[in-house]
């Protein structure tokens, strides 16, 4: 079964840049997860997301669209990216989630694991 790992983290960690040691450590942690899951043949996809300031939200109200710049909701943590990994079961998915560095940063993030519904491809 494929699982999506939704990575939530604090978007602005007081102006940290990619040259900061903490950010480099997180990036190296992601590279390690990518390398391991690729080597095991279970990685199905992943992408980081641009900041919430680049988001556009579309709401439909009585047949009309309401377009808003910015994220769907103001929250402490923002959706930063995702992995899709093929796992035998939820226990295996949890073990992969523990390896994603954002999940290891205390109050700075979490990983939401969601099974993906398999939709048959049209013939």
Protein backbone atom coordinates (compact mmCIF):
# COMPACT_ATOMS: atom_id res chain seq x y z
CA UNK A 1 0.00 0.00 0.00
CA UNK A 2 1.18 3.52 -0.75
CA UNK A 3 1.26 6.02 2.09
CA UNK A 4 1.57 9.78 1.85
CA UNK A 5 3.69 11.42 4.50
CA UNK A 6 2.57 15.04 4.87
CA UNK A 7 5.40 17.05 6.37
CA UNK A 8 4.34 19.95 8.57
CA UNK A 9 6.94 22.35 9.87
CA UNK A 10 7.39 25.88 11.06
CA UNK A 11 7.90 27.88 7.91
CA UNK A 12 9.94 30.74 9.33
CA UNK A 13 12.49 29.61 11.87
CA UNK A 14 13.68 33.13 12.68
CA UNK A 15 15.33 33.77 9.33
CA UNK A 16 17.37 30.58 9.05
CA UNK A 17 18.94 30.12 5.63
CA UNK A 18 20.28 27.05 3.83
CA UNK A 19 23.75 27.93 5.13
CA UNK A 20 22.69 27.49 8.77
CA UNK A 21 23.86 24.32 10.49
CA UNK A 22 20.33 23.35 11.62
CA UNK A 23 18.92 23.69 8.11
CA UNK A 24 21.83 21.77 6.59
CA UNK A 25 21.25 18.98 9.11
CA UNK A 26 17.58 18.73 8.13
CA UNK A 27 18.49 18.72 4.43
CA UNK A 28 21.05 15.96 5.02
CA UNK A 29 18.42 13.99 6.95
CA UNK A 30 16.03 14.22 4.00
CA UNK A 31 18.79 13.15 1.61
CA UNK A 32 19.42 10.09 3.79
CA UNK A 33 15.71 9.11 3.76
CA UNK A 34 15.57 9.64 -0.01
CA UNK A 35 18.70 7.53 -0.56
CA UNK A 36 17.53 4.69 1.69
CA UNK A 37 13.96 4.56 0.35
CA UNK A 38 15.25 4.75 -3.24
CA UNK A 39 17.78 1.96 -2.62
CA UNK A 40 15.01 -0.24 -1.16
CA UNK A 41 12.75 0.53 -4.14
CA UNK A 42 9.87 1.87 -2.04
CA UNK A 43 10.02 5.60 -2.81
CA UNK A 44 7.16 6.59 -5.14
CA UNK A 45 7.40 10.37 -5.02
CA UNK A 46 8.36 13.41 -3.00
CA UNK A 47 8.44 17.16 -3.34
CA UNK A 48 9.02 20.15 -1.10
CA UNK A 49 6.51 22.97 -1.35
CA UNK A 50 7.17 26.67 -1.77
CA UNK A 51 6.24 28.91 1.21
CA UNK A 52 2.59 29.53 2.08
CA UNK A 53 3.01 33.11 0.87
CA UNK A 54 2.93 31.65 -2.67
CA UNK A 55 -0.32 29.75 -2.07
CA UNK A 56 -3.66 30.51 -3.70
CA UNK A 57 -6.86 29.20 -2.15
CA UNK A 58 -10.00 28.60 -4.25
CA UNK A 59 -13.39 28.30 -2.55
CA UNK A 60 -16.65 27.66 -4.37
CA UNK A 61 -19.71 29.45 -2.96
CA UNK A 62 -23.09 29.02 -4.65
CA UNK A 63 -21.46 28.38 -8.02
CA UNK A 64 -19.04 31.31 -7.74
CA UNK A 65 -15.34 31.08 -7.04
CA UNK A 66 -13.63 33.06 -4.32
CA UNK A 67 -9.87 33.29 -4.93
CA UNK A 68 -7.65 34.26 -2.00
CA UNK A 69 -3.89 34.73 -1.89
CA UNK A 70 -2.27 32.74 0.87
CA UNK A 71 -2.84 29.44 2.65
CA UNK A 72 -6.14 27.77 3.46
CA UNK A 73 -5.72 28.45 7.19
CA UNK A 74 -3.37 30.25 9.53
CA UNK A 75 -1.64 27.62 11.64
CA UNK A 76 1.50 27.24 13.75
CA UNK A 77 2.85 24.62 11.33
CA UNK A 78 2.53 24.69 7.55
CA UNK A 79 2.50 21.89 4.99
CA UNK A 80 6.08 21.93 3.72
CA UNK A 81 6.18 18.89 1.45
CA UNK A 82 5.43 15.19 1.14
CA UNK A 83 6.82 11.73 0.52
CA UNK A 84 4.93 8.81 -1.03
CA UNK A 85 6.36 5.48 0.10
CA UNK A 86 5.18 1.94 -0.58
CA UNK A 87 4.76 0.12 2.75
CA UNK A 88 3.47 -3.28 3.77
CA UNK A 89 1.40 -1.79 6.59
CA UNK A 90 0.96 1.16 8.95
CA UNK A 91 3.70 -0.09 11.30
CA UNK A 92 6.22 0.07 8.46
CA UNK A 93 4.92 3.51 7.49
CA UNK A 94 5.44 4.73 11.06
CA UNK A 95 9.04 3.50 10.96
CA UNK A 96 9.66 5.53 7.77
CA UNK A 97 8.01 8.60 9.29
CA UNK A 98 10.37 8.41 12.27
CA UNK A 99 13.29 8.79 9.85
CA UNK A 100 12.02 12.04 8.29
CA UNK A 101 14.01 14.73 10.09
CA UNK A 102 11.14 17.20 10.49
CA UNK A 103 9.39 14.73 12.80
CA UNK A 104 12.42 14.79 15.10
CA UNK A 105 12.47 18.51 15.84
CA UNK A 106 10.24 18.78 18.91
CA UNK A 107 7.74 21.60 18.45
CA UNK A 108 9.03 22.45 14.97
CA UNK A 109 7.10 19.86 13.00
CA UNK A 110 5.21 16.63 12.58
CA UNK A 111 4.47 14.00 9.96
CA UNK A 112 0.88 13.04 9.11
CA UNK A 113 0.65 9.56 7.57
CA UNK A 114 -2.27 8.94 5.21
CA UNK A 115 -2.96 5.77 3.20
CA UNK A 116 -3.58 6.47 -0.48
CA UNK A 117 -6.77 5.11 -2.02
CA UNK A 118 -5.85 3.02 -5.03
CA UNK A 119 -7.97 4.07 -8.01
CA UNK A 120 -8.00 1.56 -10.88
CA UNK A 121 -6.58 3.00 -14.08
CA UNK A 122 -8.99 3.03 -17.04
CA UNK A 123 -8.35 0.35 -19.62
